Amino acid sequence: MHDDRRLHPRVDTDLDAQVLVGQDNLPVRMVNLSVGGLMIEGSGQLAGLSASPATGTIEIGVRFDLEHQPVNGTCRVVYKRRLSADKAALGLKIIDMDEALRAAIDRYVRKNLTY
């Protein structure tokens, strides 16, 4: 677990995921997860995402499997970091997700916490 001031405990992961940006479905790796959000890494295309003129935010769909259970929801990009010319990371805050899926994330995180 990362020792920081987050509201929810976060665990490192190495899971395949997909982000939905408009009509594009981009493969990514989820590198950490909490009930409140996640961090993903993927192509440099992620760093080029731009905010909606209407809201001033970037919102994307996210899909992944967690212990054989499909999880999907909507996230807001809270930060972007270019890792190299062809790789970027996004910090995502979960803003819309079914409560049963949030509970599945909570169980997964608690099961995988290391102190």
PDB file of N, CA and C in Angstrom:
ATOM      1  N   MET A   1       0.844  -1.173   0.000  1.00  0.00           N
ATOM      2  CA  MET A   1       0.000   0.000   0.000  1.00  0.00           C
ATOM      3  C   MET A   1       0.885   1.229   0.000  1.00  0.00           C
ATOM      4  N   HIS A   2       0.448   2.264  -0.647  1.00  0.00           N
ATOM      5  CA  HIS A   2       1.171   3.520  -0.660  1.00  0.00           C
ATOM      6  C   HIS A   2       0.907   4.253   0.642  1.00  0.00           C
ATOM      7  N   ASP A   3       1.960   4.754   1.272  1.00  0.00           N
ATOM      8  CA  ASP A   3       1.807   5.502   2.512  1.00  0.00           C
ATOM      9  C   ASP A   3       1.646   6.972   2.170  1.00  0.00           C
ATOM     10  N   ASP A   4       0.409   7.430   2.059  1.00  0.00           N
ATOM     11  CA  ASP A   4       0.141   8.819   1.739  1.00  0.00           C
ATOM     12  C   ASP A   4      -1.165   9.233   2.390  1.00  0.00           C
ATOM     13  N   ARG A   5      -1.670  10.362   2.022  1.00  0.00           N
ATOM     14  CA  ARG A   5      -2.856  10.912   2.684  1.00  0.00           C
ATOM     15  C   ARG A   5      -4.135  10.650   1.907  1.00  0.00           C
ATOM     16  N   ARG A   6      -4.249   9.548   1.286  1.00  0.00           N
ATOM     17  CA  ARG A   6      -5.446   9.232   0.520  1.00  0.00           C
ATOM     18  C   ARG A   6      -6.599   8.886   1.457  1.00  0.00           C
ATOM     19  N   LEU A   7      -7.800   9.126   0.973  1.00  0.00           N
ATOM     20  CA  LEU A   7      -8.996   8.818   1.736  1.00  0.00           C
ATOM     21  C   LEU A   7      -9.217   7.308   1.832  1.00  0.00           C
ATOM     22  N   HIS A   8      -8.878   6.588   0.760  1.00  0.00           N
ATOM     23  CA  HIS A   8      -9.100   5.144   0.702  1.00  0.00           C
ATOM     24  C   HIS A   8      -7.768   4.417   0.548  1.00  0.00           C
ATOM     25  N   PRO A   9      -7.626   3.232   1.170  1.00  0.00           N
ATOM     26  CA  PRO A   9      -6.405   2.447   0.962  1.00  0.00           C
ATOM     27  C   PRO A   9      -6.271   2.066  -0.511  1.00  0.00           C
ATOM     28  N   ARG A  10      -5.036   1.991  -0.974  1.00  0.00           N
ATOM     29  CA  ARG A  10      -4.733   1.724  -2.378  1.00  0.00           C
ATOM     30  C   ARG A  10      -3.733   0.575  -2.438  1.00  0.00           C
ATOM     31  N   VAL A  11      -3.916  -0.327  -3.390  1.00  0.00           N
ATOM     32  CA  VAL A  11      -2.995  -1.442  -3.563  1.00  0.00           C
ATOM     33  C   VAL A  11      -2.409  -1.414  -4.970  1.00  0.00           C
ATOM     34  N   ASP A  12      -1.171  -1.888  -5.075  1.00  0.00           N
ATOM     35  CA  ASP A  12      -0.543  -2.034  -6.383  1.00  0.00           C
ATOM     36  C   ASP A  12      -1.219  -3.176  -7.127  1.00  0.00           C
ATOM     37  N   THR A  13      -1.351  -3.017  -8.437  1.00  0.00           N
ATOM     38  CA  THR A  13      -1.939  -4.052  -9.284  1.00  0.00           C
ATOM     39  C   THR A  13      -1.110  -4.165 -10.558  1.00  0.00           C
ATOM     40  N   ASP A  14      -1.395  -5.160 -11.328  1.00  0.00           N
ATOM     41  CA  ASP A  14      -0.830  -5.314 -12.667  1.00  0.00           C
ATOM     42  C   ASP A  14      -1.909  -5.987 -13.509  1.00  0.00           C
ATOM     43  N   LEU A  15      -2.957  -5.235 -13.809  1.00  0.00           N
ATOM     44  CA  LEU A  15      -4.140  -5.783 -14.462  1.00  0.00           C
ATOM     45  C   LEU A  15      -4.386  -5.113 -15.806  1.00  0.00           C
ATOM     46  N   ASP A  16      -4.833  -5.903 -16.779  1.00  0.00           N
ATOM     47  CA  ASP A  16      -5.275  -5.346 -18.057  1.00  0.00           C
ATOM     48  C   ASP A  16      -6.566  -4.576 -17.844  1.00  0.00           C
ATOM     49  N   ALA A  17      -6.707  -3.479 -18.535  1.00  0.00           N
ATOM     50  CA  ALA A  17      -7.934  -2.683 -18.480  1.00  0.00           C
ATOM     51  C   ALA A  17      -8.123  -2.005 -19.827  1.00  0.00           C
ATOM     52  N   GLN A  18      -9.271  -1.398 -19.997  1.00  0.00           N
ATOM     53  CA  GLN A  18      -9.565  -0.630 -21.202  1.00  0.00           C
ATOM     54  C   GLN A  18     -10.173   0.692 -20.775  1.00  0.00           C
ATOM     55  N   VAL A  19      -9.802   1.743 -21.484  1.00  0.00           N
ATOM     56  CA  VAL A  19     -10.466   3.028 -21.275  1.00  0.00           C
ATOM     57  C   VAL A  19     -11.240   3.371 -22.537  1.00  0.00           C
ATOM     58  N   LEU A  20     -12.385   3.970 -22.334  1.00  0.00           N
ATOM     59  CA  LEU A  20     -13.249   4.359 -23.431  1.00  0.00           C
ATOM     60  C   LEU A  20     -13.236   5.871 -23.528  1.00  0.00           C
ATOM     61  N   VAL A  21     -12.692   6.354 -24.631  1.00  0.00           N
ATOM     62  CA  VAL A  21     -12.595   7.793 -24.868  1.00  0.00           C
ATOM     63  C   VAL A  21     -13.361   8.072 -26.148  1.00  0.00           C
ATOM     64  N   GLY A  22     -14.537   8.648 -26.026  1.00  0.00           N
ATOM     65  CA  GLY A  22     -15.386   8.827 -27.202  1.00  0.00           C
ATOM     66  C   GLY A  22     -15.720   7.461 -27.777  1.00  0.00           C
ATOM     67  N   GLN A  23     -15.377   7.247 -29.026  1.00  0.00           N
ATOM     68  CA  GLN A  23     -15.606   5.954 -29.673  1.00  0.00           C
ATOM     69  C   GLN A  23     -14.378   5.051 -29.611  1.00  0.00           C
ATOM     70  N   ASP A  24     -13.279   5.560 -29.049  1.00  0.00           N
ATOM     71  CA  ASP A  24     -12.036   4.789 -28.994  1.00  0.00           C
ATOM     72  C   ASP A  24     -11.974   3.939 -27.735  1.00  0.00           C
ATOM     73  N   ASN A  25     -11.495   2.714 -27.907  1.00  0.00           N
ATOM     74  CA  ASN A  25     -11.310   1.767 -26.821  1.00  0.00           C
ATOM     75  C   ASN A  25      -9.807   1.498 -26.731  1.00  0.00           C
ATOM     76  N   LEU A  26      -9.140   2.019 -25.701  1.00  0.00           N
ATOM     77  CA  LEU A  26      -7.686   1.934 -25.605  1.00  0.00           C
ATOM     78  C   LEU A  26      -7.257   0.927 -24.545  1.00  0.00           C
ATOM     79  N   PRO A  27      -6.355  -0.007 -24.896  1.00  0.00           N
ATOM     80  CA  PRO A  27      -5.845  -0.939 -23.890  1.00  0.00           C
ATOM     81  C   PRO A  27      -4.850  -0.234 -22.965  1.00  0.00           C
ATOM     82  N   VAL A  28      -4.938  -0.522 -21.672  1.00  0.00           N
ATOM     83  CA  VAL A  28      -4.048   0.069 -20.670  1.00  0.00           C
ATOM     84  C   VAL A  28      -3.716  -0.979 -19.615  1.00  0.00           C
ATOM     85  N   ARG A  29      -2.766  -0.636 -18.738  1.00  0.00           N
ATOM     86  CA  ARG A  29      -2.457  -1.446 -17.553  1.00  0.00           C
ATOM     87  C   ARG A  29      -2.880  -0.650 -16.333  1.00  0.00           C
ATOM     88  N   MET A  30      -3.602  -1.296 -15.430  1.00  0.00           N
ATOM     89  CA  MET A  30      -3.940  -0.663 -14.163  1.00  0.00           C
ATOM     90  C   MET A  30      -2.811  -0.982 -13.192  1.00  0.00           C
ATOM     91  N   VAL A  31      -2.177   0.057 -12.647  1.00  0.00           N
ATOM     92  CA  VAL A  31      -1.020  -0.156 -11.776  1.00  0.00           C
ATOM     93  C   VAL A  31      -1.341   0.013 -10.297  1.00  0.00           C
ATOM     94  N   ASN A  32      -2.475   0.648  -9.970  1.00  0.00           N
ATOM     95  CA  ASN A  32      -2.949   0.618  -8.591  1.00  0.00           C
ATOM     96  C   ASN A  32      -4.441   0.895  -8.569  1.00  0.00           C
ATOM     97  N   LEU A  33      -5.063   0.562  -7.421  1.00  0.00           N
ATOM     98  CA  LEU A  33      -6.517   0.605  -7.335  1.00  0.00           C
ATOM     99  C   LEU A  33      -6.956   0.889  -5.910  1.00  0.00           C
ATOM    100  N   SER A  34      -7.998   1.689  -5.773  1.00  0.00           N
ATOM    101  CA  SER A  34      -8.678   1.896  -4.495  1.00  0.00           C
ATOM    102  C   SER A  34     -10.165   2.061  -4.788  1.00  0.00           C
ATOM    103  N   VAL A  35     -10.977   2.117  -3.745  1.00  0.00           N
ATOM    104  CA  VAL A  35     -12.404   2.340  -3.930  1.00  0.00           C
ATOM    105  C   VAL A  35     -12.652   3.696  -4.590  1.00  0.00           C
ATOM    106  N   GLY A  36     -11.757   4.644  -4.361  1.00  0.00           N
ATOM    107  CA  GLY A  36     -11.951   5.986  -4.891  1.00  0.00           C
ATOM    108  C   GLY A  36     -11.341   6.250  -6.246  1.00  0.00           C
ATOM    109  N   GLY A  37     -10.414   5.396  -6.693  1.00  0.00           N
ATOM    110  CA  GLY A  37      -9.773   5.671  -7.966  1.00  0.00           C
ATOM    111  C   GLY A  37      -8.728   4.647  -8.341  1.00  0.00           C
ATOM    112  N   LEU A  38      -8.001   4.943  -9.414  1.00  0.00           N
ATOM    113  CA  LEU A  38      -6.992   4.033  -9.926  1.00  0.00           C
ATOM    114  C   LEU A  38      -5.976   4.809 -10.746  1.00  0.00           C
ATOM    115  N   MET A  39      -4.840   4.171 -10.979  1.00  0.00           N
ATOM    116  CA  MET A  39      -3.850   4.735 -11.887  1.00  0.00           C
ATOM    117  C   MET A  39      -3.649   3.746 -13.018  1.00  0.00           C
ATOM    118  N   ILE A  40      -3.623   4.291 -14.237  1.00  0.00           N
ATOM    119  CA  ILE A  40      -3.409   3.463 -15.414  1.00  0.00           C
ATOM    120  C   ILE A  40      -2.193   3.959 -16.177  1.00  0.00           C
ATOM    121  N   GLU A  41      -1.591   3.050 -16.936  1.00  0.00           N
ATOM    122  CA  GLU A  41      -0.506   3.396 -17.851  1.00  0.00           C
ATOM    123  C   GLU A  41      -0.862   2.847 -19.221  1.00  0.00           C
ATOM    124  N   GLY A  42      -0.537   3.629 -20.245  1.00  0.00           N
ATOM    125  CA  GLY A  42      -0.832   3.200 -21.600  1.00  0.00           C
ATOM    126  C   GLY A  42      -0.056   4.017 -22.603  1.00  0.00           C
ATOM    127  N   SER A  43      -0.536   4.022 -23.827  1.00  0.00           N
ATOM    128  CA  SER A  43       0.161   4.707 -24.914  1.00  0.00           C
ATOM    129  C   SER A  43       0.224   6.206 -24.655  1.00  0.00           C
ATOM    130  N   GLY A  44       1.154   6.851 -25.342  1.00  0.00           N
ATOM    131  CA  GLY A  44       1.300   8.294 -25.231  1.00  0.00           C
ATOM    132  C   GLY A  44       0.045   9.049 -25.627  1.00  0.00           C
ATOM    133  N   GLN A  45      -0.861   8.374 -26.317  1.00  0.00           N
ATOM    134  CA  GLN A  45      -2.136   8.968 -26.710  1.00  0.00           C
ATOM    135  C   GLN A  45      -2.908   9.459 -25.474  1.00  0.00           C
ATOM    136  N   LEU A  46      -2.721   8.809 -24.333  1.00  0.00           N
ATOM    137  CA  LEU A  46      -3.415   9.220 -23.103  1.00  0.00           C
ATOM    138  C   LEU A  46      -3.032  10.637 -22.690  1.00  0.00           C
ATOM    139  N   ALA A  47      -1.765  10.994 -22.888  1.00  0.00           N
ATOM    140  CA  ALA A  47      -1.301  12.327 -22.482  1.00  0.00           C
ATOM    141  C   ALA A  47      -1.946  13.423 -23.314  1.00  0.00           C
ATOM    142  N   GLY A  48      -2.443  13.073 -24.491  1.00  0.00           N
ATOM    143  CA  GLY A  48      -3.049  14.060 -25.366  1.00  0.00           C
ATOM    144  C   GLY A  48      -4.532  14.294 -25.133  1.00  0.00           C
ATOM    145  N   LEU A  49      -5.122  13.608 -24.169  1.00  0.00           N
ATOM    146  CA  LEU A  49      -6.546  13.818 -23.893  1.00  0.00           C
ATOM    147  C   LEU A  49      -6.778  15.254 -23.449  1.00  0.00           C
ATOM    148  N   SER A  50      -7.852  15.843 -23.925  1.00  0.00           N
ATOM    149  CA  SER A  50      -8.122  17.236 -23.554  1.00  0.00           C
ATOM    150  C   SER A  50      -9.477  17.353 -22.864  1.00  0.00           C
ATOM    151  N   ALA A  51      -9.583  18.387 -22.060  1.00  0.00           N
ATOM    152  CA  ALA A  51     -10.788  18.618 -21.268  1.00  0.00           C
ATOM    153  C   ALA A  51     -11.962  19.032 -22.145  1.00  0.00           C
ATOM    154  N   SER A  52     -13.141  18.671 -21.705  1.00  0.00           N
ATOM    155  CA  SER A  52     -14.371  19.098 -22.362  1.00  0.00           C
ATOM    156  C   SER A  52     -14.543  20.599 -22.177  1.00  0.00           C
ATOM    157  N   PRO A  53     -14.831  21.328 -23.242  1.00  0.00           N
ATOM    158  CA  PRO A  53     -15.058  22.767 -23.088  1.00  0.00           C
ATOM    159  C   PRO A  53     -16.237  23.073 -22.154  1.00  0.00           C
ATOM    160  N   ALA A  54     -17.224  22.187 -22.122  1.00  0.00           N
ATOM    161  CA  ALA A  54     -18.418  22.421 -21.307  1.00  0.00           C
ATOM    162  C   ALA A  54     -18.145  22.271 -19.814  1.00  0.00           C
ATOM    163  N   THR A  55     -17.306  21.270 -19.448  1.00  0.00           N
ATOM    164  CA  THR A  55     -17.096  20.984 -18.021  1.00  0.00           C
ATOM    165  C   THR A  55     -15.710  21.357 -17.523  1.00  0.00           C
ATOM    166  N   GLY A  56     -14.762  21.480 -18.440  1.00  0.00           N
ATOM    167  CA  GLY A  56     -13.385  21.743 -18.034  1.00  0.00           C
ATOM    168  C   GLY A  56     -12.690  20.523 -17.465  1.00  0.00           C
ATOM    169  N   THR A  57     -13.313  19.345 -17.619  1.00  0.00           N
ATOM    170  CA  THR A  57     -12.738  18.107 -17.092  1.00  0.00           C
ATOM    171  C   THR A  57     -12.616  17.075 -18.205  1.00  0.00           C
ATOM    172  N   ILE A  58     -11.857  16.028 -17.915  1.00  0.00           N
ATOM    173  CA  ILE A  58     -11.753  14.880 -18.815  1.00  0.00           C
ATOM    174  C   ILE A  58     -12.421  13.713 -18.107  1.00  0.00           C
ATOM    175  N   GLU A  59     -13.468  13.166 -18.712  1.00  0.00           N
ATOM    176  CA  GLU A  59     -14.142  12.000 -18.158  1.00  0.00           C
ATOM    177  C   GLU A  59     -14.054  10.869 -19.161  1.00  0.00           C
ATOM    178  N   ILE A  60     -13.717   9.673 -18.664  1.00  0.00           N
ATOM    179  CA  ILE A  60     -13.546   8.509 -19.523  1.00  0.00           C
ATOM    180  C   ILE A  60     -14.214   7.307 -18.874  1.00  0.00           C
ATOM    181  N   GLY A  61     -14.568   6.343 -19.701  1.00  0.00           N
ATOM    182  CA  GLY A  61     -15.060   5.070 -19.195  1.00  0.00           C
ATOM    183  C   GLY A  61     -13.887   4.155 -18.921  1.00  0.00           C
ATOM    184  N   VAL A  62     -14.045   3.266 -17.972  1.00  0.00           N
ATOM    185  CA  VAL A  62     -13.002   2.297 -17.663  1.00  0.00           C
ATOM    186  C   VAL A  62     -13.652   0.928 -17.473  1.00  0.00           C
ATOM    187  N   ARG A  63     -12.959  -0.100 -17.972  1.00  0.00           N
ATOM    188  CA  ARG A  63     -13.414  -1.494 -17.840  1.00  0.00           C
ATOM    189  C   ARG A  63     -12.223  -2.360 -17.464  1.00  0.00           C
ATOM    190  N   PHE A  64     -12.466  -3.291 -16.544  1.00  0.00           N
ATOM    191  CA  PHE A  64     -11.451  -4.278 -16.193  1.00  0.00           C
ATOM    192  C   PHE A  64     -12.131  -5.445 -15.496  1.00  0.00           C
ATOM    193  N   ASP A  65     -11.426  -6.556 -15.387  1.00  0.00           N
ATOM    194  CA  ASP A  65     -11.921  -7.713 -14.644  1.00  0.00           C
ATOM    195  C   ASP A  65     -11.196  -7.775 -13.317  1.00  0.00           C
ATOM    196  N   LEU A  66     -11.957  -8.013 -12.267  1.00  0.00           N
ATOM    197  CA  LEU A  66     -11.399  -8.115 -10.930  1.00  0.00           C
ATOM    198  C   LEU A  66     -11.827  -9.458 -10.372  1.00  0.00           C
ATOM    199  N   GLU A  67     -10.868 -10.390 -10.331  1.00  0.00           N
ATOM    200  CA  GLU A  67     -11.147 -11.749  -9.875  1.00  0.00           C
ATOM    201  C   GLU A  67     -12.345 -12.330 -10.625  1.00  0.00           C
ATOM    202  N   HIS A  68     -12.286 -12.267 -11.937  1.00  0.00           N
ATOM    203  CA  HIS A  68     -13.270 -12.833 -12.870  1.00  0.00           C
ATOM    204  C   HIS A  68     -14.607 -12.105 -12.856  1.00  0.00           C
ATOM    205  N   GLN A  69     -14.672 -10.919 -12.266  1.00  0.00           N
ATOM    206  CA  GLN A  69     -15.896 -10.119 -12.283  1.00  0.00           C
ATOM    207  C   GLN A  69     -15.657  -8.873 -13.126  1.00  0.00           C
ATOM    208  N   PRO A  70     -16.472  -8.667 -14.166  1.00  0.00           N
ATOM    209  CA  PRO A  70     -16.324  -7.452 -14.969  1.00  0.00           C
ATOM    210  C   PRO A  70     -16.685  -6.212 -14.147  1.00  0.00           C
ATOM    211  N   VAL A  71     -15.836  -5.200 -14.244  1.00  0.00           N
ATOM    212  CA  VAL A  71     -16.045  -3.939 -13.535  1.00  0.00           C
ATOM    213  C   VAL A  71     -16.010  -2.828 -14.578  1.00  0.00           C
ATOM    214  N   ASN A  72     -16.968  -1.926 -14.514  1.00  0.00           N
ATOM    215  CA  ASN A  72     -16.941  -0.770 -15.411  1.00  0.00           C
ATOM    216  C   ASN A  72     -17.523   0.431 -14.686  1.00  0.00           C
ATOM    217  N   GLY A  73     -17.063   1.588 -15.110  1.00  0.00           N
ATOM    218  CA  GLY A  73     -17.534   2.820 -14.494  1.00  0.00           C
ATOM    219  C   GLY A  73     -17.015   4.022 -15.250  1.00  0.00           C
ATOM    220  N   THR A  74     -17.325   5.181 -14.724  1.00  0.00           N
ATOM    221  CA  THR A  74     -16.874   6.437 -15.308  1.00  0.00           C
ATOM    222  C   THR A  74     -15.900   7.098 -14.348  1.00  0.00           C
ATOM    223  N   CYS A  75     -14.809   7.609 -14.898  1.00  0.00           N
ATOM    224  CA  CYS A  75     -13.767   8.238 -14.084  1.00  0.00           C
ATOM    225  C   CYS A  75     -13.452   9.633 -14.608  1.00  0.00           C
ATOM    226  N   ARG A  76     -12.970  10.454 -13.712  1.00  0.00           N
ATOM    227  CA  ARG A  76     -12.472  11.789 -14.064  1.00  0.00           C
ATOM    228  C   ARG A  76     -10.953  11.754 -13.956  1.00  0.00           C
ATOM    229  N   VAL A  77     -10.279  12.276 -14.962  1.00  0.00           N
ATOM    230  CA  VAL A  77      -8.819  12.353 -14.929  1.00  0.00           C
ATOM    231  C   VAL A  77      -8.427  13.445 -13.935  1.00  0.00           C
ATOM    232  N   VAL A  78      -7.636  13.063 -12.920  1.00  0.00           N
ATOM    233  CA  VAL A  78      -7.185  14.048 -11.935  1.00  0.00           C
ATOM    234  C   VAL A  78      -5.737  14.457 -12.179  1.00  0.00           C
ATOM    235  N   TYR A  79      -4.985  13.629 -12.905  1.00  0.00           N
ATOM    236  CA  TYR A  79      -3.667  14.064 -13.369  1.00  0.00           C
ATOM    237  C   TYR A  79      -3.225  13.221 -14.548  1.00  0.00           C
ATOM    238  N   LYS A  80      -2.344  13.818 -15.361  1.00  0.00           N
ATOM    239  CA  LYS A  80      -1.723  13.141 -16.502  1.00  0.00           C
ATOM    240  C   LYS A  80      -0.221  13.282 -16.348  1.00  0.00           C
ATOM    241  N   ARG A  81       0.496  12.217 -16.655  1.00  0.00           N
ATOM    242  CA  ARG A  81       1.952  12.262 -16.602  1.00  0.00           C
ATOM    243  C   ARG A  81       2.507  11.506 -17.807  1.00  0.00           C
ATOM    244  N   ARG A  82       3.324  12.175 -18.597  1.00  0.00           N
ATOM    245  CA  ARG A  82       3.996  11.495 -19.704  1.00  0.00           C
ATOM    246  C   ARG A  82       5.201  10.765 -19.128  1.00  0.00           C
ATOM    247  N   LEU A  83       5.272   9.454 -19.368  1.00  0.00           N
ATOM    248  CA  LEU A  83       6.371   8.643 -18.856  1.00  0.00           C
ATOM    249  C   LEU A  83       7.505   8.533 -19.862  1.00  0.00           C
ATOM    250  N   SER A  84       7.172   8.573 -21.146  1.00  0.00           N
ATOM    251  CA  SER A  84       8.153   8.557 -22.235  1.00  0.00           C
ATOM    252  C   SER A  84       7.425   9.040 -23.485  1.00  0.00           C
ATOM    253  N   ALA A  85       8.115   9.018 -24.613  1.00  0.00           N
ATOM    254  CA  ALA A  85       7.497   9.501 -25.850  1.00  0.00           C
ATOM    255  C   ALA A  85       6.245   8.704 -26.209  1.00  0.00           C
ATOM    256  N   ASP A  86       6.236   7.420 -25.853  1.00  0.00           N
ATOM    257  CA  ASP A  86       5.100   6.581 -26.234  1.00  0.00           C
ATOM    258  C   ASP A  86       4.379   5.944 -25.046  1.00  0.00           C
ATOM    259  N   LYS A  87       4.528   6.531 -23.856  1.00  0.00           N
ATOM    260  CA  LYS A  87       3.874   5.970 -22.673  1.00  0.00           C
ATOM    261  C   LYS A  87       3.445   7.093 -21.731  1.00  0.00           C
ATOM    262  N   ALA A  88       2.225   6.958 -21.190  1.00  0.00           N
ATOM    263  CA  ALA A  88       1.696   7.970 -20.268  1.00  0.00           C
ATOM    264  C   ALA A  88       0.941   7.289 -19.136  1.00  0.00           C
ATOM    265  N   ALA A  89       0.782   8.012 -18.037  1.00  0.00           N
ATOM    266  CA  ALA A  89       0.013   7.535 -16.886  1.00  0.00           C
ATOM    267  C   ALA A  89      -1.100   8.530 -16.598  1.00  0.00           C
ATOM    268  N   LEU A  90      -2.237   8.007 -16.167  1.00  0.00           N
ATOM    269  CA  LEU A  90      -3.360   8.838 -15.747  1.00  0.00           C
ATOM    270  C   LEU A  90      -3.779   8.434 -14.346  1.00  0.00           C
ATOM    271  N   GLY A  91      -4.012   9.414 -13.501  1.00  0.00           N
ATOM    272  CA  GLY A  91      -4.643   9.189 -12.208  1.00  0.00           C
ATOM    273  C   GLY A  91      -6.123   9.453 -12.381  1.00  0.00           C
ATOM    274  N   LEU A  92      -6.950   8.490 -11.998  1.00  0.00           N
ATOM    275  CA  LEU A  92      -8.385   8.576 -12.238  1.00  0.00           C
ATOM    276  C   LEU A  92      -9.170   8.518 -10.938  1.00  0.00           C
ATOM    277  N   LYS A  93     -10.167   9.361 -10.821  1.00  0.00           N
ATOM    278  CA  LYS A  93     -11.107   9.330  -9.701  1.00  0.00           C
ATOM    279  C   LYS A  93     -12.403   8.709 -10.203  1.00  0.00           C
ATOM    280  N   ILE A  94     -12.883   7.690  -9.506  1.00  0.00           N
ATOM    281  CA  ILE A  94     -14.142   7.056  -9.895  1.00  0.00           C
ATOM    282  C   ILE A  94     -15.289   7.999  -9.536  1.00  0.00           C
ATOM    283  N   ILE A  95     -16.078   8.372 -10.547  1.00  0.00           N
ATOM    284  CA  ILE A  95     -17.194   9.292 -10.281  1.00  0.00           C
ATOM    285  C   ILE A  95     -18.557   8.642 -10.482  1.00  0.00           C
ATOM    286  N   ASP A  96     -18.613   7.501 -11.166  1.00  0.00           N
ATOM    287  CA  ASP A  96     -19.886   6.805 -11.341  1.00  0.00           C
ATOM    288  C   ASP A  96     -19.619   5.317 -11.490  1.00  0.00           C
ATOM    289  N   MET A  97     -20.140   4.537 -10.535  1.00  0.00           N
ATOM    290  CA  MET A  97     -19.957   3.091 -10.566  1.00  0.00           C
ATOM    291  C   MET A  97     -21.040   2.468  -9.695  1.00  0.00           C
ATOM    292  N   ASP A  98     -21.546   1.339 -10.129  1.00  0.00           N
ATOM    293  CA  ASP A  98     -22.527   0.590  -9.364  1.00  0.00           C
ATOM    294  C   ASP A  98     -21.966   0.261  -7.976  1.00  0.00           C
ATOM    295  N   GLU A  99     -22.787   0.370  -6.956  1.00  0.00           N
ATOM    296  CA  GLU A  99     -22.328   0.127  -5.580  1.00  0.00           C
ATOM    297  C   GLU A  99     -21.822  -1.296  -5.381  1.00  0.00           C
ATOM    298  N   ALA A 100     -22.405  -2.272  -6.068  1.00  0.00           N
ATOM    299  CA  ALA A 100     -21.930  -3.654  -5.946  1.00  0.00           C
ATOM    300  C   ALA A 100     -20.505  -3.783  -6.493  1.00  0.00           C
ATOM    301  N   LEU A 101     -20.188  -3.029  -7.549  1.00  0.00           N
ATOM    302  CA  LEU A 101     -18.837  -3.061  -8.105  1.00  0.00           C
ATOM    303  C   LEU A 101     -17.859  -2.350  -7.174  1.00  0.00           C
ATOM    304  N   ARG A 102     -18.286  -1.251  -6.567  1.00  0.00           N
ATOM    305  CA  ARG A 102     -17.435  -0.585  -5.568  1.00  0.00           C
ATOM    306  C   ARG A 102     -17.147  -1.531  -4.406  1.00  0.00           C
ATOM    307  N   ALA A 103     -18.154  -2.300  -3.995  1.00  0.00           N
ATOM    308  CA  ALA A 103     -17.962  -3.261  -2.903  1.00  0.00           C
ATOM    309  C   ALA A 103     -16.963  -4.340  -3.316  1.00  0.00           C
ATOM    310  N   ALA A 104     -17.005  -4.770  -4.576  1.00  0.00           N
ATOM    311  CA  ALA A 104     -16.042  -5.766  -5.069  1.00  0.00           C
ATOM    312  C   ALA A 104     -14.628  -5.192  -5.043  1.00  0.00           C
ATOM    313  N   ILE A 105     -14.469  -3.926  -5.413  1.00  0.00           N
ATOM    314  CA  ILE A 105     -13.154  -3.278  -5.343  1.00  0.00           C
ATOM    315  C   ILE A 105     -12.690  -3.209  -3.896  1.00  0.00           C
ATOM    316  N   ASP A 106     -13.578  -2.825  -2.995  1.00  0.00           N
ATOM    317  CA  ASP A 106     -13.232  -2.735  -1.578  1.00  0.00           C
ATOM    318  C   ASP A 106     -12.751  -4.079  -1.044  1.00  0.00           C
ATOM    319  N   ARG A 107     -13.453  -5.160  -1.375  1.00  0.00           N
ATOM    320  CA  ARG A 107     -13.030  -6.503  -0.932  1.00  0.00           C
ATOM    321  C   ARG A 107     -11.651  -6.842  -1.492  1.00  0.00           C
ATOM    322  N   TYR A 108     -11.438  -6.560  -2.784  1.00  0.00           N
ATOM    323  CA  TYR A 108     -10.150  -6.847  -3.421  1.00  0.00           C
ATOM    324  C   TYR A 108      -9.023  -6.076  -2.736  1.00  0.00           C
ATOM    325  N   VAL A 109      -9.246  -4.794  -2.495  1.00  0.00           N
ATOM    326  CA  VAL A 109      -8.215  -3.963  -1.865  1.00  0.00           C
ATOM    327  C   VAL A 109      -7.903  -4.485  -0.469  1.00  0.00           C
ATOM    328  N   ARG A 110      -8.926  -4.755   0.322  1.00  0.00           N
ATOM    329  CA  ARG A 110      -8.697  -5.232   1.697  1.00  0.00           C
ATOM    330  C   ARG A 110      -7.965  -6.571   1.710  1.00  0.00           C
ATOM    331  N   LYS A 111      -8.297  -7.425   0.750  1.00  0.00           N
ATOM    332  CA  LYS A 111      -7.645  -8.735   0.662  1.00  0.00           C
ATOM    333  C   LYS A 111      -6.169  -8.610   0.286  1.00  0.00           C
ATOM    334  N   ASN A 112      -5.828  -7.578  -0.470  1.00  0.00           N
ATOM    335  CA  ASN A 112      -4.463  -7.437  -0.989  1.00  0.00           C
ATOM    336  C   ASN A 112      -3.620  -6.380  -0.284  1.00  0.00           C
ATOM    337  N   LEU A 113      -4.134  -5.798   0.787  1.00  0.00           N
ATOM    338  CA  LEU A 113      -3.346  -4.817   1.540  1.00  0.00           C
ATOM    339  C   LEU A 113      -2.122  -5.475   2.154  1.00  0.00           C
ATOM    340  N   THR A 114      -1.010  -4.775   2.086  1.00  0.00           N
ATOM    341  CA  THR A 114       0.202  -5.222   2.778  1.00  0.00           C
ATOM    342  C   THR A 114       0.659  -4.091   3.673  1.00  0.00           C
ATOM    343  N   TYR A 115       1.060  -4.448   4.856  1.00  0.00           N
ATOM    344  CA  TYR A 115       1.487  -3.416   5.818  1.00  0.00           C
ATOM    345  C   TYR A 115       2.959  -3.488   6.065  1.00  0.00           C
TER     346      TYR A 115
END
